[in-house]
């Protein structure tokens, strides 16, 4: 993993609400794979014996993006109240 949680990102969606491109830290990435939906239920630590069952996370996607110069990153994107954020990036 390369980044901290909840960094802002600009995301463009197609007509079916799938991410097609994004701008992250000033670089433009085109989505080059099939987006995968992120889980909507949180992963609770193993020490919690009775986790709440009604907690839902906002919608999100895991996508692979490529810049024009060929840089590839995998992004975990999550919709927040103020717009899209990057939860994590992977090289």
N, C-alpha and C. Protein backbone atom coordinates (compact mmCIF):
# COMPACT_ATOMS: atom_id res chain seq x y z
N UNK A 1 0.85 -1.17 0.00
CA UNK A 1 0.00 0.00 0.00
C UNK A 1 0.90 1.23 0.00
N UNK A 2 0.48 2.27 -0.72
CA UNK A 2 1.32 3.44 -0.88
C UNK A 2 0.81 4.70 -0.20
N UNK A 3 -0.44 4.79 0.15
CA UNK A 3 -0.99 6.07 0.60
C UNK A 3 -1.83 5.94 1.85
N UNK A 4 -2.09 7.08 2.47
CA UNK A 4 -2.97 7.11 3.63
C UNK A 4 -4.43 7.17 3.17
N UNK A 5 -5.32 7.12 4.11
CA UNK A 5 -6.75 7.08 3.80
C UNK A 5 -7.32 8.46 3.47
N UNK A 6 -8.35 8.41 2.65
CA UNK A 6 -9.25 9.54 2.41
C UNK A 6 -8.59 10.74 1.75
N UNK A 7 -7.73 10.52 0.77
CA UNK A 7 -7.21 11.62 -0.03
C UNK A 7 -8.23 11.96 -1.11
N UNK A 8 -8.48 13.25 -1.36
CA UNK A 8 -9.46 13.61 -2.39
C UNK A 8 -8.97 13.22 -3.78
N UNK A 9 -9.92 12.89 -4.65
CA UNK A 9 -9.63 12.52 -6.03
C UNK A 9 -10.82 12.92 -6.88
N UNK A 10 -10.56 13.31 -8.13
CA UNK A 10 -11.65 13.58 -9.08
C UNK A 10 -11.89 12.33 -9.90
N UNK A 11 -13.14 11.88 -9.97
CA UNK A 11 -13.49 10.64 -10.66
C UNK A 11 -14.56 10.93 -11.71
N UNK A 12 -14.37 10.40 -12.92
CA UNK A 12 -15.38 10.48 -13.97
C UNK A 12 -16.01 9.11 -14.13
N UNK A 13 -17.34 9.09 -14.21
CA UNK A 13 -18.09 7.85 -14.34
C UNK A 13 -18.73 7.77 -15.72
N UNK A 14 -18.94 6.54 -16.19
CA UNK A 14 -19.65 6.36 -17.46
C UNK A 14 -21.16 6.36 -17.21
N UNK A 15 -21.92 6.04 -18.23
CA UNK A 15 -23.39 6.09 -18.11
C UNK A 15 -23.95 5.02 -17.19
N UNK A 16 -23.14 4.02 -16.83
CA UNK A 16 -23.58 2.98 -15.89
C UNK A 16 -22.96 3.18 -14.50
N UNK A 17 -22.40 4.36 -14.25
CA UNK A 17 -21.80 4.74 -12.97
C UNK A 17 -20.54 3.95 -12.62
N UNK A 18 -19.81 3.48 -13.62
CA UNK A 18 -18.50 2.87 -13.40
C UNK A 18 -17.40 3.89 -13.64
N UNK A 19 -16.35 3.90 -12.83
CA UNK A 19 -15.26 4.84 -13.04
C UNK A 19 -14.54 4.57 -14.37
N UNK A 20 -14.24 5.65 -15.10
CA UNK A 20 -13.52 5.52 -16.36
C UNK A 20 -12.19 6.26 -16.35
N UNK A 21 -12.10 7.33 -15.56
CA UNK A 21 -10.84 8.06 -15.43
C UNK A 21 -10.85 8.81 -14.12
N UNK A 22 -9.66 9.26 -13.72
CA UNK A 22 -9.54 9.99 -12.47
C UNK A 22 -8.30 10.87 -12.50
N UNK A 23 -8.31 11.88 -11.65
CA UNK A 23 -7.13 12.74 -11.45
C UNK A 23 -6.75 12.62 -9.99
N UNK A 24 -5.50 12.18 -9.77
CA UNK A 24 -4.99 11.93 -8.43
C UNK A 24 -3.62 12.57 -8.31
N UNK A 25 -3.48 13.45 -7.32
CA UNK A 25 -2.21 14.15 -7.08
C UNK A 25 -1.68 14.82 -8.35
N UNK A 26 -2.61 15.39 -9.12
CA UNK A 26 -2.23 16.15 -10.31
C UNK A 26 -1.98 15.33 -11.55
N UNK A 27 -2.11 14.01 -11.50
CA UNK A 27 -1.90 13.16 -12.67
C UNK A 27 -3.22 12.54 -13.11
N UNK A 28 -3.40 12.46 -14.43
CA UNK A 28 -4.62 11.87 -14.99
C UNK A 28 -4.40 10.39 -15.27
N UNK A 29 -5.34 9.57 -14.80
CA UNK A 29 -5.29 8.12 -15.00
C UNK A 29 -6.54 7.68 -15.74
N UNK A 30 -6.36 6.79 -16.70
CA UNK A 30 -7.49 6.14 -17.36
C UNK A 30 -7.64 4.75 -16.76
N UNK A 31 -8.89 4.37 -16.48
CA UNK A 31 -9.16 3.03 -15.93
C UNK A 31 -8.94 2.02 -17.05
N UNK A 32 -8.09 1.00 -16.78
CA UNK A 32 -7.71 0.04 -17.81
C UNK A 32 -8.18 -1.38 -17.49
N UNK A 33 -9.05 -1.53 -16.50
CA UNK A 33 -9.58 -2.85 -16.16
C UNK A 33 -11.06 -2.73 -15.85
N UNK A 34 -11.67 -3.84 -15.52
CA UNK A 34 -13.07 -3.84 -15.10
C UNK A 34 -13.12 -3.45 -13.62
N UNK A 35 -13.77 -2.34 -13.25
CA UNK A 35 -13.86 -1.96 -11.84
C UNK A 35 -14.51 -3.06 -11.00
N UNK A 36 -14.00 -3.23 -9.79
CA UNK A 36 -14.52 -4.22 -8.84
C UNK A 36 -15.12 -3.47 -7.66
N UNK A 37 -16.35 -3.80 -7.31
CA UNK A 37 -17.00 -3.14 -6.18
C UNK A 37 -16.28 -3.48 -4.88
N UNK A 38 -16.07 -2.45 -4.04
CA UNK A 38 -15.49 -2.67 -2.71
C UNK A 38 -16.58 -3.15 -1.76
N UNK A 39 -16.20 -3.90 -0.72
CA UNK A 39 -17.20 -4.37 0.24
C UNK A 39 -17.92 -3.21 0.92
N UNK A 40 -19.20 -3.40 1.22
CA UNK A 40 -19.99 -2.37 1.89
C UNK A 40 -20.07 -2.60 3.39
N UNK A 41 -19.57 -3.75 3.88
CA UNK A 41 -19.55 -4.02 5.32
C UNK A 41 -18.10 -3.94 5.81
N UNK A 42 -17.87 -3.31 6.95
CA UNK A 42 -16.50 -3.16 7.45
C UNK A 42 -15.94 -4.49 7.96
N UNK A 43 -14.62 -4.59 7.93
CA UNK A 43 -13.94 -5.73 8.54
C UNK A 43 -13.62 -5.35 9.98
N UNK A 44 -14.20 -6.08 10.91
CA UNK A 44 -14.00 -5.78 12.33
C UNK A 44 -12.81 -6.56 12.85
N UNK A 45 -12.05 -5.99 13.80
CA UNK A 45 -10.94 -6.73 14.42
C UNK A 45 -11.44 -8.00 15.07
N UNK A 46 -10.60 -9.02 15.12
CA UNK A 46 -11.02 -10.33 15.64
C UNK A 46 -11.40 -10.27 17.12
N UNK A 47 -10.93 -9.27 17.86
CA UNK A 47 -11.25 -9.16 19.29
C UNK A 47 -12.66 -8.68 19.58
N UNK A 48 -13.37 -8.23 18.57
CA UNK A 48 -14.75 -7.76 18.78
C UNK A 48 -15.67 -8.96 18.62
N UNK A 49 -16.27 -9.40 19.73
CA UNK A 49 -17.08 -10.62 19.70
C UNK A 49 -18.48 -10.39 19.14
N UNK A 50 -19.01 -9.17 19.26
CA UNK A 50 -20.36 -8.88 18.78
C UNK A 50 -20.36 -7.57 17.99
N UNK A 51 -19.79 -7.59 16.77
CA UNK A 51 -19.76 -6.34 16.00
C UNK A 51 -21.16 -5.93 15.58
N UNK A 52 -21.39 -4.63 15.42
CA UNK A 52 -22.70 -4.18 14.97
C UNK A 52 -22.99 -4.74 13.57
N UNK A 53 -24.22 -5.06 13.32
CA UNK A 53 -24.59 -5.65 12.03
C UNK A 53 -25.17 -4.63 11.07
N UNK A 54 -25.49 -3.43 11.55
CA UNK A 54 -26.17 -2.45 10.70
C UNK A 54 -25.23 -1.39 10.12
N UNK A 55 -23.93 -1.56 10.23
CA UNK A 55 -22.97 -0.58 9.71
C UNK A 55 -22.73 -0.87 8.23
N UNK A 56 -22.92 0.15 7.40
CA UNK A 56 -22.68 0.03 5.96
C UNK A 56 -21.70 1.10 5.53
N UNK A 57 -20.75 0.72 4.70
CA UNK A 57 -19.81 1.67 4.12
C UNK A 57 -20.40 2.25 2.84
N UNK A 58 -19.91 3.40 2.44
CA UNK A 58 -20.34 4.02 1.19
C UNK A 58 -19.88 3.17 0.01
N UNK A 59 -20.53 3.34 -1.14
CA UNK A 59 -20.11 2.60 -2.33
C UNK A 59 -18.66 2.92 -2.69
N UNK A 60 -17.99 1.96 -3.29
CA UNK A 60 -16.62 2.17 -3.71
C UNK A 60 -16.20 1.18 -4.78
N UNK A 61 -15.05 1.49 -5.39
CA UNK A 61 -14.52 0.68 -6.49
C UNK A 61 -13.03 0.47 -6.32
N UNK A 62 -12.54 -0.69 -6.77
CA UNK A 62 -11.11 -0.91 -6.96
C UNK A 62 -10.88 -0.91 -8.47
N UNK A 63 -9.96 -0.03 -8.90
CA UNK A 63 -9.66 0.10 -10.32
C UNK A 63 -8.15 0.17 -10.52
N UNK A 64 -7.72 -0.21 -11.71
CA UNK A 64 -6.34 0.00 -12.13
C UNK A 64 -6.32 1.16 -13.09
N UNK A 65 -5.47 2.16 -12.80
CA UNK A 65 -5.37 3.33 -13.65
C UNK A 65 -3.98 3.43 -14.26
N UNK A 66 -3.93 3.97 -15.49
CA UNK A 66 -2.65 4.16 -16.18
C UNK A 66 -2.56 5.60 -16.68
N UNK A 67 -1.40 6.22 -16.47
CA UNK A 67 -1.15 7.56 -16.99
C UNK A 67 -0.70 7.44 -18.44
N UNK A 68 -0.62 8.58 -19.13
CA UNK A 68 -0.16 8.59 -20.52
C UNK A 68 1.28 8.11 -20.65
N UNK A 69 2.09 8.26 -19.58
CA UNK A 69 3.48 7.79 -19.65
C UNK A 69 3.64 6.34 -19.21
N UNK A 70 2.51 5.65 -18.91
CA UNK A 70 2.55 4.23 -18.60
C UNK A 70 2.59 3.86 -17.14
N UNK A 71 2.56 4.83 -16.23
CA UNK A 71 2.54 4.53 -14.81
C UNK A 71 1.22 3.86 -14.44
N UNK A 72 1.31 2.73 -13.74
CA UNK A 72 0.12 1.99 -13.31
C UNK A 72 -0.01 2.03 -11.80
N UNK A 73 -1.22 2.30 -11.32
CA UNK A 73 -1.54 2.20 -9.90
C UNK A 73 -2.91 1.56 -9.76
N UNK A 74 -3.09 0.82 -8.67
CA UNK A 74 -4.41 0.29 -8.32
C UNK A 74 -4.96 1.20 -7.23
N UNK A 75 -6.21 1.62 -7.40
CA UNK A 75 -6.85 2.55 -6.48
C UNK A 75 -8.05 1.91 -5.81
N UNK A 76 -8.20 2.13 -4.51
CA UNK A 76 -9.46 1.86 -3.82
C UNK A 76 -10.15 3.21 -3.64
N UNK A 77 -11.26 3.40 -4.36
CA UNK A 77 -12.00 4.66 -4.36
C UNK A 77 -13.28 4.48 -3.55
N UNK A 78 -13.61 5.49 -2.75
CA UNK A 78 -14.84 5.41 -1.94
C UNK A 78 -15.57 6.75 -2.05
N UNK A 79 -16.87 6.71 -2.23
CA UNK A 79 -17.68 7.92 -2.29
C UNK A 79 -17.91 8.45 -0.88
N UNK A 80 -17.51 9.68 -0.66
CA UNK A 80 -17.67 10.34 0.65
C UNK A 80 -18.71 11.45 0.50
N UNK A 81 -19.19 12.00 1.60
CA UNK A 81 -20.19 13.08 1.51
C UNK A 81 -19.71 14.28 0.70
N UNK A 82 -18.42 14.53 0.66
CA UNK A 82 -17.87 15.70 -0.04
C UNK A 82 -17.25 15.34 -1.39
N UNK A 83 -17.42 14.12 -1.86
CA UNK A 83 -16.88 13.68 -3.14
C UNK A 83 -16.09 12.39 -2.99
N UNK A 84 -15.40 12.00 -4.05
CA UNK A 84 -14.64 10.75 -4.04
C UNK A 84 -13.33 10.92 -3.27
N UNK A 85 -12.91 9.83 -2.61
CA UNK A 85 -11.63 9.78 -1.93
C UNK A 85 -10.89 8.50 -2.30
N UNK A 86 -9.57 8.55 -2.13
CA UNK A 86 -8.74 7.36 -2.33
C UNK A 86 -8.48 6.78 -0.94
N UNK A 87 -8.93 5.55 -0.71
CA UNK A 87 -8.66 4.87 0.55
C UNK A 87 -7.25 4.30 0.55
N UNK A 88 -6.80 3.80 -0.60
CA UNK A 88 -5.47 3.19 -0.69
C UNK A 88 -5.05 3.14 -2.14
N UNK A 89 -3.75 3.14 -2.37
CA UNK A 89 -3.19 2.87 -3.69
C UNK A 89 -2.16 1.77 -3.55
N UNK A 90 -2.02 1.01 -4.62
CA UNK A 90 -1.08 -0.11 -4.66
C UNK A 90 -0.28 -0.01 -5.95
N UNK A 91 1.02 -0.28 -5.87
CA UNK A 91 1.87 -0.24 -7.07
C UNK A 91 1.92 -1.61 -7.71
